[in-house]
Structure formats: structure tokens, C-alpha cells
Amino acid sequence: MDAFFASVEQLDHPEYRGKPLAVGGNRERGVVAAASYEARKFGVRSAMPSRLAAQKCPNLIFVPPRFDRYKEISRVIRKIFLEFTDLVEPLSLDEAFLDVTNNHFAFPYATQIAKAIRHRIFLETGLTASAGISYNKFLAKVASDLNKPNGQAVIPPEKAEAFLEKLPIEKFFGIGKVTAEKMKALGIHCGRDLKAYSLVFLTRRFGKSGRHYYDIVRGIHESEVKPDRIRKSLGVENTFEKDLLTSSSVAETLTNKILPEFFRRLQQSQTAGRTLTLKIKYNDFTVHTRSRTFPEAIPPGSMEALALELIRQEELSGPVRLLGISLSNLIRPDDPGRQLRFSY
């Protein structure tokens, strides 16, 4: 979807249309969750501190996120996907991989399916979508950004390597800002530069990811579209308007604001796990995590005490701007011999 959260807000609130809009945060603090295309012209991007976004765009409108509304529209879009193929792997509320090799309408070309899906999405939601089409997930993801908004692009097999050689390294799906900077320090600025390094060197320098980088620059990515992606963690976090200054205020906020929503999601998903992690982001944006792992599933009834224990594990190193709690090492509901229904 094109600037999904921001586009939904502009759809539901005509007064925001054509204006620079940021979902999340405010002029003083917080983080931008999504930016409209009008805001992007000023350099406003998702994950940008709100104060910086306001500096870049003085007329920027900030609105709070409405995740229930985004999920509602996401369900409509997911239903449209499934009318064309059963092989749908969601990446987020607004994005998914589709394997359309064997599609329900026997379309001979993926480009036809992409156009049909985008047309249906617009008719049913009033929102625009863009599509990337190729022979593997990595290239399709890269292609999906080429003609945004409201467009689509194709990278055929015979053009893949030449395309990737020219692609800036930060545009490679899966190479984040930190890794891109490390690569640039090695003189790797585009795919051609990356391709010059051997598998041995990349593996030594980047560990297991080195094999992935070696393959993707050659257009090799054999990951299948998996319609039933396994959730790896479940959590809740919150950025505060005012920093939390004491351990007692952190504990109180965790108990009264973070954990109730965490338990609601836990009960809704009927999920169990063996690792509980506390996340603390300080006002200098450094992030610390504290975890406890157990051999069996952690009973929900003991999670609050465990979370408070993690807070007391060590002194705070400064004012706290973000607090989160998450459960990982999850146990699937269909795991034989596991009893996942707990008393809440």
C-alpha cells in the first residue's frame, strides 16, 4: 500500500488531503510511524524523530495512529489477495508476498494479476497500492518501490543481475542503515561493488548474512512464499510524552499501561513462550534489554512479577522515553503435548 497509515487518515479526513501529514508523535517528541507523500517531499520519513520531522516541515500535521482502523482495511485487502491465490505471506498490515504461479483465475501473466488486484483494492477501499513483480521474493520487494505511488514494476530474470549491479546498496531489501554504512566503509556503494567480494570475505565480515548478500546480488533468493508465517514474538511498547525519571514510575507505568494491553494481546492470540524481555529506551535513544528464559512456557500469572523483577535487575542509566515488554521463544498452539490455555 502507498503511505498506508497516512493515506487512511487522508481518506477518512478530507481536510488532510493534499497536506503534509505524519501519523504518530507530536511536535515535541515521539516517532513518525508514517508520512504522507506531501510530507516526504520535505524529507519526512517513517521512524524519524517527530521533532526533526517538524523542523523539516513546519506545516506538518501530526495525528495519532488508529490501528483498529488500519487493521480493518488490512483485512479487506487480505481478502482480495486470497481471491487470487492461496499463497499469501503477510509482511505487515499493508504489505504481502503473493505467489501467483497457479492463480485462481488462470491469468497467464503476473502483471495482469497485479493490475487486477490494485484495481480491486482501489474500488473497495479508495486507496492506491503498488506492486513489484519478479521471479523471487527479494526482487519483487525491490521492484515494489520502483514506481510508487500507484504503480508497478517488473524485473524479469534476464535483466535481474544488470539491475542489481546498478542498485544503491541501501536499496537492497534486508540491508539496513547500519549494515549499509559498514558496507560503504568497505567501498561497497552499489550492487557491482558488492558483487566484487568473495563469499569467503562476506561470510567472514558479516557472518551468516554474508551468504545472503553474496546470493541476492546475483539474483538468487530461494525463499518460498509461506502463507502461514510463524510469529516469533509478541509484545507491546509505548513512547511517552514525558520521560520517566524513576524506577518506581517505570514500574507503575509498566503495571498500569503496558501490561494490560500485553495480556489482552496474549489472550487474543492464545500464545505461550519461554522468554520475557523488557525493553528500555533512554532519552539519548540508547536501547537496553533485559530478558529471562525458562525451559517451559511462562505462566501469564507470573509475568507481571517477572517483568517488575527485570526492572529492578539494575539501576536506570537515565530518563526513560520508551518502555516495552515482549514474549519470545514462542510455542505454537499446534505443538503436540503443549497446554496453552491459561487462566487470565
Protein backbone atom coordinates (compact mmCIF):
# COMPACT_ATOMS: atom_id res chain seq x y z
CA MET A 1 0.00 0.00 0.00
CA ASP A 2 1.10 3.58 -0.66
CA ALA A 3 1.88 5.50 2.58
CA PHE A 4 -0.76 3.29 4.18
CA PHE A 5 -1.40 4.84 7.61
CA ALA A 6 -1.20 8.38 6.27
CA SER A 7 -3.36 7.54 3.25
CA VAL A 8 -6.06 6.06 5.50
CA GLU A 9 -6.10 9.26 7.56
CA GLN A 10 -6.40 11.37 4.41
CA LEU A 11 -9.17 9.06 3.16
CA ASP A 12 -11.18 9.38 6.36
CA HIS A 13 -10.43 13.09 6.90
CA PRO A 14 -10.79 15.11 3.66
CA GLU A 15 -9.30 18.17 5.39
CA TYR A 16 -5.91 16.39 5.44
CA ARG A 17 -5.82 15.63 1.73
CA GLY A 18 -3.06 17.31 -0.22
CA LYS A 19 -1.35 18.39 3.00
CA PRO A 20 1.85 17.11 4.66
CA LEU A 21 0.76 14.62 7.31
CA ALA A 22 2.57 12.47 9.86
CA VAL A 23 0.97 9.63 11.78
CA GLY A 24 2.43 9.27 15.27
CA GLY A 25 4.25 11.55 17.67
CA ASN A 26 3.85 15.30 18.03
CA ARG A 27 6.00 18.41 17.54
CA GLU A 28 7.87 17.85 20.79
CA ARG A 29 8.56 14.13 20.94
CA GLY A 30 7.74 10.69 19.60
CA VAL A 31 8.47 8.98 16.31
CA VAL A 32 6.80 9.25 12.91
CA ALA A 33 5.05 5.95 12.10
CA ALA A 34 4.09 7.02 8.56
CA ALA A 35 4.33 10.11 6.39
CA SER A 36 2.14 11.23 3.50
CA TYR A 37 3.76 11.82 0.13
CA GLU A 38 3.26 15.55 0.64
CA ALA A 39 5.39 15.28 3.81
CA ARG A 40 8.01 13.12 2.13
CA LYS A 41 8.80 15.96 -0.27
CA PHE A 42 10.25 17.76 2.76
CA GLY A 43 12.34 14.76 3.78
CA VAL A 44 9.96 13.43 6.44
CA ARG A 45 10.22 9.65 6.76
CA SER A 46 8.87 6.88 8.98
CA ALA A 47 10.95 6.14 12.09
CA MET A 48 12.16 9.77 12.12
CA PRO A 49 12.01 11.62 15.46
CA SER A 50 8.93 13.83 15.39
CA ARG A 51 10.84 16.94 16.45
CA LEU A 52 13.17 16.56 13.45
CA ALA A 53 10.18 15.99 11.15
CA ALA A 54 8.60 19.22 12.40
CA GLN A 55 11.84 21.08 11.71
CA LYS A 56 11.97 19.76 8.16
CA CYS A 57 8.32 20.57 7.51
CA PRO A 58 6.97 23.46 9.67
CA ASN A 59 3.42 22.94 8.39
CA LEU A 60 3.41 19.22 9.16
CA ILE A 61 0.16 17.92 10.64
CA PHE A 62 0.54 15.26 13.35
CA VAL A 63 -2.27 12.78 14.00
CA PRO A 64 -2.37 9.81 16.41
CA PRO A 65 -2.41 6.31 14.88
CA ARG A 66 -5.67 4.36 14.72
CA PHE A 67 -4.52 0.77 14.45
CA ASP A 68 -8.00 -0.71 14.67
CA ARG A 69 -8.92 1.20 11.52
CA TYR A 70 -5.73 0.15 9.73
CA LYS A 71 -6.36 -3.49 10.67
CA GLU A 72 -9.95 -3.21 9.39
CA ILE A 73 -8.75 -2.11 5.95
CA SER A 74 -5.90 -4.61 6.02
CA ARG A 75 -8.43 -7.43 6.40
CA VAL A 76 -10.28 -6.20 3.31
CA ILE A 77 -7.04 -6.14 1.34
CA ARG A 78 -6.01 -9.60 2.57
CA LYS A 79 -9.38 -10.97 1.47
CA ILE A 80 -8.78 -9.57 -2.03
CA PHE A 81 -5.35 -11.25 -2.16
CA LEU A 82 -6.88 -14.60 -1.24
CA GLU A 83 -9.39 -14.35 -4.08
CA PHE A 84 -6.45 -14.55 -6.48
CA THR A 85 -4.14 -17.04 -4.72
CA ASP A 86 -3.94 -19.10 -1.55
CA LEU A 87 -0.21 -18.39 -1.26
CA VAL A 88 -0.18 -15.08 0.60
CA GLU A 89 2.61 -14.29 3.07
CA PRO A 90 1.89 -11.09 5.03
CA LEU A 91 4.85 -8.88 5.88
CA SER A 92 2.84 -6.25 7.75
CA LEU A 93 -0.63 -4.70 7.76
CA ASP A 94 -0.03 -3.11 4.35
CA GLU A 95 2.30 -5.49 2.53
CA ALA A 96 2.48 -9.14 1.49
CA PHE A 97 4.20 -11.56 -0.85
CA LEU A 98 1.94 -13.43 -3.29
CA ASP A 99 2.91 -16.49 -5.30
CA VAL A 100 0.64 -16.34 -8.35
CA THR A 101 2.20 -19.17 -10.35
CA ASN A 102 -1.06 -21.09 -10.01
CA ASN A 103 -3.72 -18.43 -9.52
CA HIS A 104 -7.46 -18.84 -9.18
CA PHE A 105 -8.29 -17.04 -12.43
CA ALA A 106 -5.67 -18.73 -14.62
CA PHE A 107 -4.12 -15.41 -15.59
CA PRO A 108 -1.07 -16.15 -17.77
CA TYR A 109 0.87 -13.06 -16.62
CA ALA A 110 1.65 -11.78 -13.15
CA THR A 111 1.39 -8.21 -14.45
CA GLN A 112 -2.29 -8.81 -15.23
CA ILE A 113 -2.91 -10.08 -11.71
CA ALA A 114 -1.10 -7.12 -10.15
CA LYS A 115 -3.23 -4.66 -12.12
CA ALA A 116 -6.42 -6.54 -11.23
CA ILE A 117 -5.55 -6.63 -7.52
CA ARG A 118 -4.63 -2.94 -7.44
CA HIS A 119 -7.87 -2.05 -9.21
CA ARG A 120 -9.92 -4.09 -6.74
CA ILE A 121 -8.16 -2.51 -3.76
CA PHE A 122 -8.94 0.96 -5.08
CA LEU A 123 -12.59 0.11 -5.75
CA GLU A 124 -13.15 -1.41 -2.30
CA THR A 125 -11.04 0.90 -0.12
CA GLY A 126 -10.41 4.09 -2.08
CA LEU A 127 -6.67 3.60 -1.52
CA THR A 128 -3.88 3.03 -4.01
CA ALA A 129 -1.33 0.20 -4.00
CA SER A 130 1.89 -0.51 -5.82
CA ALA A 131 3.27 -3.87 -6.91
CA GLY A 132 6.63 -5.42 -7.64
CA ILE A 133 6.80 -8.46 -9.92
CA SER A 134 9.70 -10.85 -10.34
CA TYR A 135 10.75 -14.48 -10.08
CA ASN A 136 11.71 -14.35 -6.39
CA LYS A 137 10.65 -12.52 -3.22
CA PHE A 138 13.74 -10.34 -2.90
CA LEU A 139 13.47 -8.89 -6.40
CA ALA A 140 9.70 -8.46 -6.13
CA LYS A 141 10.18 -6.47 -2.94
CA VAL A 142 12.80 -4.23 -4.57
CA ALA A 143 10.56 -3.75 -7.63
CA SER A 144 7.60 -2.74 -5.46
CA ASP A 145 9.36 0.53 -4.59
CA LEU A 146 10.34 1.49 -8.13
CA ASN A 147 7.11 3.10 -9.34
CA LYS A 148 5.42 4.25 -6.15
CA PRO A 149 2.84 5.58 -5.67
CA ASN A 150 0.08 3.78 -7.58
CA GLY A 151 2.33 1.90 -9.99
CA GLN A 152 4.03 -1.41 -10.63
CA ALA A 153 7.33 -2.63 -11.98
CA VAL A 154 8.73 -5.88 -13.34
CA ILE A 155 12.26 -7.29 -13.03
CA PRO A 156 12.48 -10.27 -15.45
CA PRO A 157 15.15 -12.95 -14.95
CA GLU A 158 17.31 -11.85 -17.87
CA LYS A 159 17.61 -8.31 -16.51
CA ALA A 160 18.00 -9.08 -12.81
CA GLU A 161 21.78 -9.10 -12.43
CA ALA A 162 22.31 -5.96 -14.52
CA PHE A 163 19.62 -4.19 -12.50
CA LEU A 164 21.13 -5.26 -9.18
CA GLU A 165 24.63 -4.18 -10.17
CA LYS A 166 23.40 -0.57 -10.52
CA LEU A 167 21.20 -0.61 -7.40
CA PRO A 168 22.47 1.53 -4.47
CA ILE A 169 23.36 -0.70 -1.56
CA GLU A 170 20.85 0.95 0.79
CA LYS A 171 18.05 0.00 -1.63
CA PHE A 172 18.70 -3.72 -1.15
CA PHE A 173 15.86 -5.29 0.82
CA GLY A 174 17.31 -6.62 4.07
CA ILE A 175 20.28 -4.25 4.20
CA GLY A 176 19.51 -1.70 6.88
CA LYS A 177 21.11 1.64 7.62
CA VAL A 178 23.81 0.25 9.93
CA THR A 179 24.85 -2.53 7.54
CA ALA A 180 24.81 -0.11 4.60
CA GLU A 181 27.22 2.18 6.44
CA LYS A 182 29.53 -0.74 7.19
CA MET A 183 29.49 -1.72 3.52
CA LYS A 184 30.17 1.83 2.37
CA ALA A 185 33.20 1.92 4.69
CA LEU A 186 34.47 -1.07 2.65
CA GLY A 187 33.85 0.76 -0.62
CA ILE A 188 30.56 -1.06 -1.33
CA HIS A 189 28.18 1.57 -2.66
CA CYS A 190 26.15 -0.43 -5.20
CA GLY A 191 25.49 -3.99 -6.28
CA ARG A 192 28.50 -4.02 -8.59
CA ASP A 193 30.78 -3.25 -5.65
CA LEU A 194 29.18 -5.96 -3.53
CA LYS A 195 29.49 -8.49 -6.32
CA ALA A 196 33.26 -7.98 -6.41
CA TYR A 197 33.68 -9.52 -2.95
CA SER A 198 34.05 -13.28 -2.48
CA LEU A 199 31.74 -15.47 -0.45
CA VAL A 200 34.61 -16.18 1.95
CA PHE A 201 35.19 -12.47 2.59
CA LEU A 202 31.49 -11.62 3.02
CA THR A 203 30.94 -14.53 5.40
CA ARG A 204 33.98 -13.57 7.46
CA ARG A 205 32.90 -9.91 7.57
CA PHE A 206 29.11 -10.31 8.01
CA GLY A 207 28.68 -13.81 9.43
CA LYS A 208 25.72 -15.88 8.22
CA SER A 209 24.29 -12.85 6.42
CA GLY A 210 27.34 -12.87 4.13
CA ARG A 211 25.92 -15.83 2.20
CA HIS A 212 22.65 -13.95 1.75
CA TYR A 213 24.41 -10.84 0.41
CA TYR A 214 26.52 -12.95 -1.94
CA ASP A 215 23.40 -14.60 -3.38
CA ILE A 216 20.99 -11.68 -3.64
CA VAL A 217 23.35 -9.50 -5.67
CA ARG A 218 23.34 -12.35 -8.19
CA GLY A 219 19.55 -12.52 -8.19
CA ILE A 220 19.45 -15.70 -6.10
CA HIS A 221 16.81 -15.90 -3.37
CA GLU A 222 15.13 -19.25 -2.91
CA SER A 223 12.78 -18.44 -0.04
CA GLU A 224 9.26 -19.69 -0.78
CA VAL A 225 6.10 -17.72 -0.17
CA LYS A 226 4.88 -19.13 3.15
CA PRO A 227 1.20 -18.45 3.79
CA ASP A 228 1.43 -19.44 7.46
CA ARG A 229 4.32 -17.40 8.80
CA ILE A 230 5.27 -18.36 12.32
CA ARG A 231 5.14 -15.48 14.78
CA LYS A 232 8.50 -15.10 16.53
CA SER A 233 7.46 -12.73 19.30
CA LEU A 234 4.53 -10.86 20.78
CA GLY A 235 4.93 -7.54 22.54
CA VAL A 236 3.79 -4.05 23.41
CA GLU A 237 5.82 -0.85 23.71
CA ASN A 238 5.00 2.79 24.28
CA THR A 239 6.84 6.09 23.76
CA PHE A 240 5.92 8.64 26.42
CA GLU A 241 5.20 12.34 26.09
CA LYS A 242 7.25 12.96 29.23
CA ASP A 243 10.30 10.93 30.25
CA LEU A 244 10.00 8.56 33.20
CA LEU A 245 12.59 9.61 35.76
CA THR A 246 12.47 6.94 38.47
CA SER A 247 12.32 3.16 38.77
CA SER A 248 9.02 3.46 40.62
CA SER A 249 7.43 5.46 37.77
CA VAL A 250 8.75 2.90 35.28
CA ALA A 251 7.25 0.07 37.35
CA GLU A 252 3.93 1.88 37.76
CA THR A 253 3.70 2.62 34.03
CA LEU A 254 4.55 -0.97 33.16
CA THR A 255 1.86 -2.30 35.50
CA ASN A 256 -0.91 0.14 34.63
CA LYS A 257 -0.34 0.90 30.94
CA ILE A 258 1.92 -1.63 29.21
CA LEU A 259 0.99 -4.97 30.76
CA PRO A 260 -2.83 -4.69 30.41
CA GLU A 261 -2.50 -4.35 26.61
CA PHE A 262 0.19 -7.05 26.56
CA PHE A 263 -2.09 -9.51 28.37
CA ARG A 264 -5.01 -8.61 26.08
CA ARG A 265 -2.93 -9.50 23.00
CA LEU A 266 -1.59 -12.61 24.70
CA GLN A 267 -5.08 -13.88 25.45
CA GLN A 268 -6.34 -12.99 21.98
CA SER A 269 -3.55 -14.93 20.28
CA GLN A 270 -3.53 -17.84 22.75
CA THR A 271 0.25 -17.65 22.62
CA ALA A 272 2.78 -19.04 25.09
CA GLY A 273 6.51 -18.54 25.25
CA ARG A 274 9.64 -19.16 27.25
CA THR A 275 11.43 -15.78 27.14
CA LEU A 276 10.21 -12.49 28.61
CA THR A 277 12.11 -9.34 27.57
CA LEU A 278 11.94 -5.83 28.96
CA LYS A 279 12.95 -3.04 26.55
CA ILE A 280 14.06 0.37 27.78
CA LYS A 281 14.93 3.30 25.50
CA TYR A 282 16.53 6.26 27.24
CA ASN A 283 16.20 9.90 26.24
CA ASP A 284 19.57 9.72 24.45
CA PHE A 285 17.98 6.99 22.25
CA THR A 286 20.19 4.19 23.58
CA VAL A 287 18.26 0.93 23.98
CA HIS A 288 18.79 -1.66 26.71
CA THR A 289 17.02 -5.01 27.01
CA ARG A 290 16.75 -7.41 29.94
CA SER A 291 15.48 -10.98 29.49
CA ARG A 292 14.72 -14.17 31.38
CA THR A 293 14.34 -17.53 29.64
CA PHE A 294 12.77 -20.65 31.14
CA PRO A 295 12.74 -24.28 29.98
CA GLU A 296 8.93 -24.28 29.74
CA ALA A 297 6.20 -21.77 28.91
CA ILE A 298 5.96 -18.85 31.34
CA PRO A 299 2.52 -18.82 33.04
CA PRO A 300 0.80 -15.46 32.42
CA GLY A 301 0.07 -15.20 36.12
CA SER A 302 3.77 -14.87 36.89
CA MET A 303 4.68 -12.46 34.09
CA GLU A 304 3.95 -9.22 35.96
CA ALA A 305 6.20 -10.21 38.87
CA LEU A 306 8.89 -11.30 36.42
CA ALA A 307 8.65 -8.02 34.49
CA LEU A 308 9.00 -6.00 37.70
CA GLU A 309 11.97 -8.15 38.65
CA LEU A 310 13.59 -7.23 35.32
CA ILE A 311 13.10 -3.53 36.12
CA ARG A 312 14.86 -3.98 39.45
CA GLN A 313 17.65 -6.02 37.88
CA GLU A 314 19.83 -2.90 37.52
CA GLU A 315 19.62 0.85 38.06
CA LEU A 316 18.27 3.07 35.30
CA SER A 317 21.01 4.92 33.44
CA GLY A 318 18.87 7.97 32.62
CA PRO A 319 15.36 9.29 31.85
CA VAL A 320 13.22 6.69 30.05
CA ARG A 321 11.37 7.71 26.85
CA LEU A 322 10.13 4.26 25.75
CA LEU A 323 9.18 1.10 27.61
CA GLY A 324 8.20 -2.27 26.18
CA ILE A 325 7.60 -5.89 27.11
CA SER A 326 7.69 -8.88 24.78
CA LEU A 327 7.38 -12.66 24.82
CA SER A 328 9.55 -14.79 22.54
CA ASN A 329 10.71 -18.39 22.11
CA LEU A 330 7.04 -18.93 21.34
CA ILE A 331 5.28 -22.28 21.48
CA ARG A 332 2.80 -22.85 18.67
CA PRO A 333 -0.81 -23.74 19.56
CA ASP A 334 -0.50 -26.91 17.45
CA ASP A 335 2.66 -28.06 19.22
CA PRO A 336 1.72 -31.55 20.48
CA GLY A 337 1.75 -32.04 24.20
CA ARG A 338 1.67 -28.32 25.00
CA GLN A 339 -1.19 -26.89 27.02
CA LEU A 340 -1.54 -23.25 26.01
CA ARG A 341 -4.79 -22.22 27.63
CA PHE A 342 -4.07 -20.38 30.86
CA SER A 343 -6.30 -18.63 33.34
CA TYR A 344 -6.08 -14.89 32.87
